Protein backbone atom coordinates (compact mmCIF):
# COMPACT_ATOMS: atom_id res chain seq x y z
CA MET A 1 -60.30 -45.85 -10.47
CA MET A 2 -57.88 -48.57 -11.54
CA LYS A 3 -57.07 -46.52 -14.64
CA LYS A 4 -56.12 -43.49 -12.50
CA ILE A 5 -53.88 -45.63 -10.31
CA LEU A 6 -52.07 -47.05 -13.33
CA ILE A 7 -51.54 -43.55 -14.73
CA LEU A 8 -50.09 -42.37 -11.37
CA ILE A 9 -47.73 -45.35 -11.23
CA ALA A 10 -46.57 -44.59 -14.78
CA VAL A 11 -45.92 -40.93 -13.93
CA LEU A 12 -43.94 -41.84 -10.81
CA ALA A 13 -41.92 -44.39 -12.75
CA THR A 14 -41.16 -41.78 -15.40
CA MET A 15 -40.06 -39.28 -12.74
CA GLN A 16 -37.81 -41.88 -11.12
CA SER A 17 -36.36 -42.76 -14.52
CA CYS A 18 -35.67 -39.08 -15.23
CA ASN A 19 -33.85 -38.75 -11.91
CA LYS A 20 -31.24 -41.16 -13.26
CA PHE A 21 -30.26 -38.46 -15.74
CA GLY A 22 -30.51 -35.50 -13.33
CA ASP A 23 -26.75 -34.85 -13.29
CA THR A 24 -26.12 -35.61 -16.95
CA ASN A 25 -25.26 -31.95 -17.73
CA VAL A 26 -23.15 -31.40 -14.60
CA SER A 27 -19.44 -31.61 -15.30
CA PRO A 28 -17.63 -33.96 -12.91
CA THR A 29 -14.64 -31.57 -13.06
CA LEU A 30 -16.68 -28.48 -12.10
CA LEU A 31 -15.07 -26.64 -9.20
CA THR A 32 -17.41 -25.70 -6.37
CA LYS A 33 -14.66 -23.71 -4.67
CA ALA A 34 -12.13 -21.31 -6.13
CA SER A 35 -8.55 -22.45 -6.48
CA THR A 36 -6.29 -20.93 -3.83
CA SER A 37 -3.81 -19.97 -6.55
CA ALA A 38 -6.52 -17.93 -8.29
CA LEU A 39 -7.50 -16.34 -4.97
CA LEU A 40 -3.90 -15.33 -4.32
CA THR A 41 -3.54 -13.82 -7.79
CA ASN A 42 -6.80 -11.93 -7.41
CA SER A 43 -5.83 -10.60 -3.98
CA GLN A 44 -2.50 -9.34 -5.33
CA GLN A 45 -4.01 -7.79 -8.45
CA ALA A 46 -6.12 -5.65 -6.13
CA MET A 47 -2.77 -3.96 -5.44
CA LYS A 48 -3.34 -1.97 -8.63
CA THR A 49 -6.24 -0.17 -7.00
CA VAL A 50 -4.50 0.14 -3.64
CA MET A 51 -1.31 1.58 -5.09
CA PHE A 52 -3.14 3.91 -7.48
CA ASN A 53 -5.11 5.14 -4.47
CA ASN A 54 -1.72 6.58 -3.58
CA ARG A 55 -3.18 9.40 -5.68
CA LEU A 56 -4.58 11.11 -2.59
CA ALA A 57 -1.41 10.61 -0.57
CA ASN A 58 0.67 11.84 -3.53
CA LEU A 59 -1.41 15.02 -3.51
CA TYR A 60 -1.30 15.43 0.27
CA VAL A 61 2.51 15.23 0.36
CA GLN A 62 2.76 17.35 -2.80
CA HIS A 63 4.45 14.92 -5.12
CA LEU A 64 1.78 15.96 -7.62
CA SER A 65 -0.39 18.95 -8.46
CA GLU A 66 -3.80 18.86 -10.16
CA GLY A 67 -4.43 20.56 -13.48
CA PRO A 68 -7.86 20.88 -15.11
CA TYR A 69 -9.94 19.57 -12.19
CA PRO A 70 -8.50 20.74 -8.86
CA GLY A 71 -10.28 19.25 -5.88
CA SER A 72 -8.44 16.52 -4.02
CA SER A 73 -5.35 18.71 -3.66
CA LEU A 74 -7.62 21.28 -1.98
CA TYR A 75 -8.68 18.55 0.49
CA SER A 76 -12.22 18.10 -0.82
CA ASP A 77 -12.19 14.31 -0.25
CA ARG A 78 -14.03 13.66 3.00
CA ASN A 79 -14.81 9.96 3.14
CA ALA A 80 -13.58 6.78 1.50
CA ASN A 81 -15.23 3.39 1.24
CA PHE A 82 -13.38 0.42 2.74
CA SER A 83 -15.89 -2.27 1.80
CA ALA A 84 -14.03 -3.17 -1.41
CA TRP A 85 -10.96 -4.06 0.68
CA TYR A 86 -12.97 -6.44 2.86
CA ILE A 87 -15.06 -8.16 0.18
CA GLY A 88 -12.17 -8.22 -2.28
CA PRO A 89 -8.53 -9.02 -1.41
CA LEU A 90 -9.02 -9.55 2.33
CA TYR A 91 -11.86 -12.03 1.82
CA ASP A 92 -9.82 -13.87 -0.82
CA LEU A 93 -6.88 -14.17 1.56
CA GLN A 94 -9.02 -15.33 4.46
CA THR A 95 -10.56 -17.94 2.14
CA ILE A 96 -7.07 -19.26 1.32
CA ILE A 97 -6.47 -19.76 5.03
CA ASN A 98 -9.89 -21.34 5.56
CA TYR A 99 -9.57 -23.75 2.62
CA ASN A 100 -6.15 -24.92 3.77
CA ASN A 101 -7.38 -25.50 7.30
CA GLU A 102 -10.40 -27.39 5.94
CA GLY A 103 -8.26 -29.52 3.63
CA ALA A 104 -10.18 -28.36 0.55
CA SER A 105 -9.17 -29.97 -2.74
CA THR A 106 -8.66 -26.54 -4.36
CA THR A 107 -5.48 -26.08 -2.30
CA ILE A 108 -3.74 -29.07 -3.92
CA GLY A 109 -0.75 -28.22 -6.07
CA ASN A 110 -0.76 -24.55 -5.05
CA GLY A 111 2.08 -24.73 -2.53
CA SER A 112 2.48 -26.40 0.82
CA LYS A 113 -0.22 -25.72 3.41
CA ALA A 114 2.21 -23.82 5.64
CA ASN A 115 3.41 -21.58 2.83
CA GLN A 116 -0.08 -20.83 1.51
CA ILE A 117 -1.32 -19.82 4.93
CA ALA A 118 1.81 -17.78 5.71
CA ALA A 119 1.62 -15.86 2.42
CA ALA A 120 -2.08 -15.10 2.99
CA ARG A 121 -1.36 -13.86 6.52
CA ILE A 122 1.39 -11.54 5.27
CA MET A 123 -0.76 -10.07 2.49
CA LYS A 124 -3.61 -9.59 4.96
CA ALA A 125 -1.25 -7.74 7.29
CA PHE A 126 -0.11 -5.49 4.43
CA TYR A 127 -3.69 -4.55 3.51
CA PHE A 128 -4.85 -4.08 7.09
CA LEU A 129 -1.83 -1.86 7.81
CA ARG A 130 -2.70 0.37 4.86
CA MET A 131 -6.31 0.53 6.01
CA THR A 132 -5.69 1.39 9.65
CA ASP A 133 -3.18 4.05 8.57
CA ILE A 134 -5.89 5.64 6.40
CA TRP A 135 -8.92 5.46 8.73
CA GLY A 136 -7.53 4.72 12.21
CA ASP A 137 -9.77 2.32 14.14
CA ILE A 138 -11.39 -0.19 11.75
CA PRO A 139 -13.19 -3.57 11.90
CA TYR A 140 -10.44 -6.14 12.39
CA SER A 141 -10.88 -8.96 14.91
CA GLU A 142 -14.54 -9.54 13.93
CA ALA A 143 -14.05 -8.82 10.22
CA LEU A 144 -14.14 -11.48 7.47
CA LYS A 145 -16.41 -13.78 9.49
CA GLY A 146 -19.39 -13.61 7.14
CA SER A 147 -22.76 -14.28 8.75
CA ALA A 148 -21.09 -14.79 12.13
CA ALA A 149 -20.48 -11.03 12.39
CA TYR A 150 -22.50 -8.86 10.05
CA SER A 151 -21.84 -5.86 12.31
CA PRO A 152 -18.20 -6.15 13.36
CA LYS A 153 -16.75 -3.98 16.08
CA TYR A 154 -14.04 -1.44 15.33
CA ASP A 155 -10.72 -2.38 16.90
CA SER A 156 -8.37 0.31 18.18
CA GLN A 157 -5.40 1.09 15.98
CA GLU A 158 -3.10 0.20 18.86
CA SER A 159 -4.60 -3.29 19.17
CA ILE A 160 -4.44 -3.76 15.39
CA TYR A 161 -0.75 -2.87 15.34
CA THR A 162 -0.12 -5.29 18.20
CA ASP A 163 -1.82 -8.11 16.33
CA LEU A 164 -0.14 -7.28 13.03
CA PHE A 165 3.28 -7.56 14.66
CA LYS A 166 2.21 -10.98 15.94
CA GLU A 167 0.83 -12.07 12.57
CA LEU A 168 3.96 -11.05 10.67
CA THR A 169 6.27 -12.70 13.19
CA GLU A 170 4.30 -15.97 13.18
CA ALA A 171 3.90 -16.01 9.40
CA VAL A 172 7.66 -15.71 8.87
CA ALA A 173 8.23 -18.57 11.31
CA GLN A 174 5.56 -20.61 9.50
CA ILE A 175 7.23 -20.36 6.08
CA LYS A 176 8.98 -23.54 4.95
CA GLU A 177 11.53 -22.69 2.28
CA ASN A 178 12.24 -26.40 1.71
CA GLU A 179 8.59 -27.01 0.81
CA SER A 180 6.76 -26.02 -2.38
CA GLY A 181 6.25 -22.28 -2.80
CA VAL A 182 2.88 -20.66 -3.37
CA VAL A 183 1.35 -20.76 -6.86
CA GLY A 184 -0.46 -17.80 -8.42
CA ASP A 185 2.01 -15.37 -6.85
CA VAL A 186 2.40 -12.48 -9.31
CA ILE A 187 4.67 -10.44 -7.01
CA PHE A 188 7.32 -12.90 -5.80
CA GLY A 189 6.83 -15.86 -8.13
CA GLY A 190 6.56 -18.26 -5.21
CA ASP A 191 9.94 -17.26 -3.71
CA MET A 192 9.30 -17.87 0.00
CA ALA A 193 12.55 -16.15 1.05
CA ALA A 194 11.20 -13.00 -0.64
CA TRP A 195 7.95 -13.40 1.29
CA LYS A 196 9.99 -13.39 4.49
CA ARG A 197 11.76 -10.18 3.48
CA PHE A 198 8.39 -8.62 2.64
CA ALA A 199 6.98 -9.42 6.09
CA ASN A 200 10.09 -8.27 7.91
CA THR A 201 10.22 -5.01 5.95
CA ILE A 202 6.58 -4.27 6.78
CA ARG A 203 7.46 -4.92 10.40
CA LEU A 204 10.45 -2.56 10.14
CA ALA A 205 8.29 0.28 8.82
CA MET A 206 5.72 -0.32 11.56
CA SER A 207 8.38 -0.28 14.28
CA VAL A 208 9.58 3.21 13.36
CA ARG A 209 5.96 4.36 13.27
CA LEU A 210 5.88 3.77 17.05
CA SER A 211 8.66 6.28 17.75
CA LYS A 212 6.40 8.70 19.62
CA VAL A 213 3.73 6.52 21.12
CA ASN A 214 5.70 3.44 22.24
CA PRO A 215 9.44 3.71 21.47
CA THR A 216 10.26 0.77 23.75
CA LYS A 217 8.16 -1.62 21.69
CA GLY A 218 9.37 0.12 18.55
CA LYS A 219 12.99 -0.66 19.42
CA THR A 220 12.17 -4.30 20.17
CA GLU A 221 10.27 -4.82 16.93
CA TYR A 222 12.91 -2.95 14.94
CA ALA A 223 15.72 -5.16 16.23
CA ALA A 224 13.67 -8.29 15.57
CA ALA A 225 12.82 -7.23 12.00
CA ILE A 226 16.47 -6.49 11.19
CA ALA A 227 17.59 -9.79 12.69
CA ALA A 228 14.94 -11.71 10.73
CA GLY A 229 16.06 -10.18 7.43
CA VAL A 230 14.81 -7.16 5.49
CA ILE A 231 15.59 -5.90 1.96
CA THR A 232 19.36 -5.52 1.60
CA SER A 233 19.84 -4.49 -2.04
CA ASN A 234 18.01 -2.98 -5.01
CA ALA A 235 17.91 -6.48 -6.47
CA GLN A 236 15.44 -7.36 -3.70
CA ASN A 237 13.12 -4.38 -4.23
CA ILE A 238 9.46 -5.33 -3.93
CA MET A 239 7.56 -4.06 -6.96
CA TYR A 240 4.10 -4.61 -8.34
CA LYS A 241 4.66 -5.53 -11.99
CA PHE A 242 2.14 -4.43 -14.60
CA VAL A 243 1.92 -6.08 -18.01
CA ALA A 244 2.58 -4.19 -21.23
CA GLY A 245 0.23 -5.36 -23.96
CA ASP A 246 -2.50 -6.46 -21.54
CA PRO A 247 -5.19 -3.75 -21.16
CA ASN A 248 -6.47 -5.47 -18.02
CA ASN A 249 -3.05 -5.09 -16.39
CA TYR A 250 -1.80 -1.72 -17.57
CA ASN A 251 -0.07 0.62 -15.17
CA PRO A 252 -2.82 2.92 -13.75
CA TRP A 253 -0.88 6.08 -14.62
CA TYR A 254 -0.74 4.83 -18.21
CA ASP A 255 -4.48 4.27 -18.08
CA ASN A 256 -5.00 7.81 -16.83
CA TYR A 257 -2.72 9.57 -19.29
CA SER A 258 -2.69 7.43 -22.40
CA VAL A 259 -5.94 5.44 -22.36
CA SER A 260 -8.28 8.02 -20.83
CA ASN A 261 -6.27 10.99 -22.18
CA ARG A 262 -6.97 12.89 -19.00
CA ASN A 263 -3.68 14.63 -18.18
CA ASP A 264 -4.94 15.34 -14.69
CA TYR A 265 -1.59 15.52 -12.91
CA ALA A 266 1.82 17.18 -13.16
CA ILE A 267 4.87 17.02 -10.94
CA SER A 268 4.41 19.67 -8.26
CA LYS A 269 6.40 22.87 -8.05
CA THR A 270 7.07 21.91 -4.44
CA MET A 271 9.16 19.00 -5.75
CA THR A 272 10.90 20.87 -8.55
CA ASP A 273 11.74 23.80 -6.28
CA TYR A 274 13.61 21.38 -4.00
CA MET A 275 15.26 19.24 -6.66
CA GLU A 276 16.23 21.67 -9.42
CA PRO A 277 18.62 23.94 -7.44
CA LYS A 278 20.51 20.86 -6.25
CA ALA A 279 20.95 19.53 -9.80
CA ASP A 280 19.22 16.33 -8.74
CA PRO A 281 19.58 13.88 -11.66
CA ARG A 282 16.34 12.16 -10.66
CA LEU A 283 14.30 15.20 -11.71
CA PRO A 284 14.07 14.33 -15.46
CA VAL A 285 13.09 10.80 -14.39
CA TYR A 286 10.32 12.05 -12.11
CA GLY A 287 8.95 14.68 -14.48
CA GLU A 288 8.55 15.06 -18.23
CA VAL A 289 11.21 17.17 -19.93
CA LEU A 290 9.41 19.86 -21.95
CA ALA A 291 10.46 21.15 -25.37
CA SER A 292 12.26 23.98 -23.57
CA GLY A 293 14.55 21.37 -22.00
CA VAL A 294 13.31 21.85 -18.45
CA VAL A 295 11.10 19.98 -15.99
CA LYS A 296 8.46 22.51 -14.97
CA GLY A 297 6.44 21.91 -11.82
CA LEU A 298 2.82 22.98 -11.47
CA PRO A 299 2.06 25.24 -8.46
CA TYR A 300 0.31 23.25 -5.77
CA GLY A 301 -3.08 23.85 -4.20
CA ARG A 302 -4.65 26.44 -6.49
CA ASN A 303 -8.35 26.41 -7.34
CA ALA A 304 -7.83 27.24 -10.97
CA ALA A 305 -8.23 24.93 -13.96
CA VAL A 306 -4.93 24.52 -15.81
CA ASN A 307 -4.15 22.61 -19.00
CA ILE A 308 -0.99 20.62 -18.37
CA PRO A 309 0.36 19.29 -21.72
CA ALA A 310 3.34 21.29 -23.04
CA ALA A 311 2.91 23.86 -20.25
CA TYR A 312 3.86 21.78 -17.20
CA SER A 313 5.66 18.48 -16.76
CA ARG A 314 3.52 15.40 -16.47
CA ILE A 315 4.72 12.37 -14.53
CA GLY A 316 7.90 11.03 -16.12
CA SER A 317 7.65 8.18 -18.62
CA TYR A 318 9.60 5.95 -16.20
CA PHE A 319 6.42 5.76 -14.09
CA ARG A 320 3.68 5.78 -16.71
CA GLY A 321 4.54 3.18 -19.33
CA GLN A 322 2.14 0.31 -19.97
CA GLY A 323 4.25 -2.02 -17.86
CA SER A 324 5.97 0.45 -15.52
CA PRO A 325 6.13 -1.15 -12.06
CA LEU A 326 5.04 0.53 -8.84
CA SER A 327 7.20 0.28 -5.76
CA ILE A 328 5.83 -1.43 -2.67
CA TYR A 329 9.05 -1.41 -0.59
CA ASN A 330 12.61 -0.86 -1.74
CA TYR A 331 16.20 -0.83 -0.50
CA ALA A 332 16.64 2.94 -0.29
CA GLU A 333 13.44 3.20 1.74
CA VAL A 334 14.77 0.58 4.16
CA LEU A 335 18.04 2.52 4.52
CA PHE A 336 16.12 5.72 5.28
CA LEU A 337 14.18 3.81 7.95
CA GLN A 338 17.46 2.59 9.42
CA ALA A 339 18.90 6.11 9.35
CA GLU A 340 15.88 7.48 11.19
CA ALA A 341 15.95 4.61 13.69
CA ALA A 342 19.59 5.35 14.50
CA LYS A 343 18.81 9.05 14.94
CA LEU A 344 15.86 8.20 17.20
CA GLY A 345 18.06 6.05 19.42
CA TYR A 346 16.63 2.70 18.36
CA THR A 347 20.24 1.56 17.98
CA THR A 348 23.49 2.51 19.71
CA GLY A 349 25.13 3.86 16.55
CA GLY A 350 23.95 7.44 16.99
CA ASP A 351 24.82 10.09 14.41
CA ALA A 352 27.62 8.06 12.87
CA GLU A 353 25.25 5.24 11.92
CA ALA A 354 22.47 7.63 10.95
CA GLU A 355 24.77 9.53 8.59
CA THR A 356 26.15 6.36 7.01
CA LYS A 357 22.67 4.96 6.37
CA TYR A 358 21.39 8.34 5.15
CA LYS A 359 24.13 8.69 2.54
CA ALA A 360 23.75 5.06 1.50
CA ALA A 361 20.01 5.61 1.07
CA ILE A 362 20.54 8.52 -1.32
CA LYS A 363 23.06 6.47 -3.29
CA ALA A 364 20.67 3.49 -3.46
CA SER A 365 17.91 5.81 -4.67
CA TRP A 366 20.07 7.17 -7.49
CA GLU A 367 21.06 3.63 -8.44
CA MET A 368 17.44 2.48 -8.39
CA TYR A 369 16.52 5.23 -10.86
CA GLY A 370 19.61 4.61 -13.01
CA VAL A 371 21.22 8.03 -12.52
CA PHE A 372 24.14 7.34 -10.18
CA ASP A 373 27.36 9.19 -10.93
CA GLN A 374 30.01 9.39 -8.20
CA THR A 375 31.06 12.98 -8.90
CA LYS A 376 27.48 14.27 -9.03
CA TYR A 377 26.59 12.25 -5.95
CA ASP A 378 29.52 13.70 -3.98
CA ALA A 379 28.43 17.20 -4.94
CA TYR A 380 24.81 16.49 -4.08
CA ILE A 381 25.40 15.24 -0.53
CA ALA A 382 27.60 18.30 0.09
CA ASN A 383 24.70 20.64 -0.79
CA THR A 384 23.43 23.04 1.86
CA GLY A 385 20.45 21.38 3.46
CA VAL A 386 21.46 17.94 2.23
CA ALA A 387 24.84 17.60 3.96
CA TYR A 388 24.23 15.64 7.17
CA ALA A 389 24.07 17.78 10.30
CA SER A 390 23.17 16.37 13.70
CA ALA A 391 20.88 19.25 14.68
CA THR A 392 18.71 18.91 11.56
CA ALA A 393 19.28 15.25 10.72
CA HIS A 394 15.76 14.01 11.40
CA LYS A 395 14.31 16.59 9.03
CA GLN A 396 16.97 15.83 6.41
CA ILE A 397 16.41 12.08 6.52
CA LEU A 398 12.65 12.37 6.06
CA THR A 399 12.94 15.10 3.43
CA GLU A 400 15.24 12.96 1.29
CA LYS A 401 12.97 9.98 1.88
CA TRP A 402 10.09 12.15 0.60
CA ILE A 403 12.05 12.90 -2.57
CA HIS A 404 13.02 9.25 -3.04
CA ASN A 405 9.53 7.80 -2.54
CA TYR A 406 8.03 9.78 -5.41
CA LEU A 407 4.55 8.44 -6.24
CA SER A 408 4.79 5.92 -3.37
CA ALA A 409 3.42 8.30 -0.82
CA TRP A 410 1.57 6.22 1.77
CA GLU A 411 4.72 5.97 3.89
CA ILE A 412 5.51 9.65 3.37
CA TRP A 413 2.03 10.71 4.47
CA CYS A 414 2.59 8.60 7.61
CA ASP A 415 5.98 10.28 8.16
CA TRP A 416 4.48 13.75 7.83
CA ARG A 417 1.60 12.97 10.19
CA ARG A 418 3.97 11.50 12.77
CA THR A 419 6.82 14.03 12.63
CA GLY A 420 5.83 17.09 10.59
CA PHE A 421 8.60 16.22 8.09
CA PRO A 422 8.92 16.98 5.27
CA VAL A 423 7.88 20.56 6.01
CA LEU A 424 4.94 21.32 3.70
CA THR A 425 2.78 24.38 3.16
CA ALA A 426 -0.91 23.53 2.87
CA ALA A 427 -2.87 24.31 -0.29
CA VAL A 428 -3.47 28.05 -0.69
CA ASP A 429 -7.06 27.53 -1.81
CA ARG A 430 -7.85 24.74 0.65
CA VAL A 431 -11.46 24.03 1.47
CA ASP A 432 -10.68 23.49 5.16
CA SER A 433 -8.55 25.91 7.14
CA ARG A 434 -7.03 23.03 9.12
CA GLY A 435 -4.93 22.11 6.10
CA ILE A 436 -3.49 18.75 5.04
CA PRO A 437 -5.75 15.87 6.20
CA TYR A 438 -4.65 13.42 8.88
CA ARG A 439 -7.08 10.70 7.83
CA LEU A 440 -10.05 9.88 5.62
CA GLY A 441 -13.54 9.62 7.04
CA TYR A 442 -15.42 6.33 7.35
CA PRO A 443 -17.80 5.24 4.58
CA PRO A 444 -21.09 7.18 4.90
CA THR A 445 -23.03 3.89 4.88
CA GLU A 446 -21.45 2.76 8.16
CA ALA A 447 -23.76 5.02 10.17
CA SER A 448 -26.77 3.03 8.95
CA LEU A 449 -25.27 -0.44 8.37
CA ASN A 450 -23.20 -0.71 11.55
CA PRO A 451 -24.51 2.14 13.71
CA THR A 452 -23.53 1.01 17.21
CA ASN A 453 -19.94 0.19 16.36
CA TYR A 454 -19.61 3.21 14.07
CA LYS A 455 -20.72 5.54 16.87
CA ALA A 456 -18.20 3.97 19.24
CA ALA A 457 -15.42 4.52 16.68
CA VAL A 458 -16.41 8.15 16.16
CA THR A 459 -16.51 8.69 19.92
CA ALA A 460 -12.96 7.34 20.13
CA LEU A 461 -11.96 9.92 17.48
CA GLY A 462 -13.25 12.71 19.70
CA GLY A 463 -16.85 12.78 18.51
CA THR A 464 -16.40 13.84 14.88
CA ASP A 465 -15.76 11.63 11.86
CA ASP A 466 -13.72 14.17 9.91
CA ASN A 467 -10.31 14.33 8.24
CA TYR A 468 -8.40 15.67 11.22
CA GLY A 469 -8.52 13.01 13.91
CA LYS A 470 -4.93 11.91 14.55
CA MET A 471 -3.61 8.41 14.21
CA TRP A 472 -2.84 6.64 17.49
CA TRP A 473 0.88 6.63 16.64
CA ALA A 474 0.87 10.39 15.96
CA LYS A 475 -0.73 11.53 19.22
């Protein structure tokens, strides 16, 4: 018996001795939480997917036509998954806010607390705006809470817009330009004044979106955004910058054309039919110049496989180089928003202001694409259909905005759904007689993963989760 007791004591002593070395292989510098700078970078790099998902919008507004595999341009896309937005960039941004409020060590050296939180709030607003403008009502107030809300409710688009205006306003006020800027910022490089312009420009675009549903609030938010400071020159354009030489950060159009060798898309004949007769110098920037010396658009919305190379013009090289940037917001776009706002009566300037902003927007667009020539510009704005006319000004403003925002079509799809401009003819071989979609359907998994809240959202749509329920701001 004594022998057994001694053996047990020896074993226990050995175990206790081993415990002294239990953390020998654990690095004292090991991070248990991600750095907020890395989270910010990751959340912004998700922009590559978001902006390339412009693909559907670019097809809906007929910037592009499909070649060998027509489908999306015939409106075959029914549903889209939003989970990657929540578990990816949105969760990263919420974590930045949480870590700063908790005083986590991984926030140190990555910008002042106020600036980190403000930048995260602005990026969150940008992503949520894109999402609600795609699906309509979405999980918002109960989203990003982890185990506290596995089945979040769907908030109305109206309530989301209301909160986004608040978030953007408060985030701008929270920014401290005299404190250290955010680190890991691949869009603005930590320039907090640029973050302010970004937030105010988002707010500007949102304000005009309210022109039909709540013009009073639209006017108030518009005036506040202008007063707070939006983009005022091409030097302040907000672009997502890809990295030539880095396969992980190539422009997605370069990936499609040059890496995957797919040649899926060409500039649409809808675009070339508008631009070519007006001798628009942007056309050879937008589309590839063929050996024949012309930019040839591919007819839109046909259910016929077509090989594009050498027969039709692919996207211009300006947009599909390894490091070609994608526009998020730019000066010409802001001027078009101001022109429309004046025409809508958001300001007291009326047609005089609308015309001035409209012409300035076209000039800024030509300058942005490096094709401005005064003589050609003067001739262009005198063209029939382009020359400002009060009776048709709203259509003209949004049509020229459509031309300018080539391959940046989220805003154009919103314009079309809200106003019917630009005037577009639906795909000839469309799979749904109702034509160009107004939205994308919710992820199919929502019916089983979040059934109660999903059913409530579908009821709010009118009982059917299809592509033709209208946005709140378009009703």
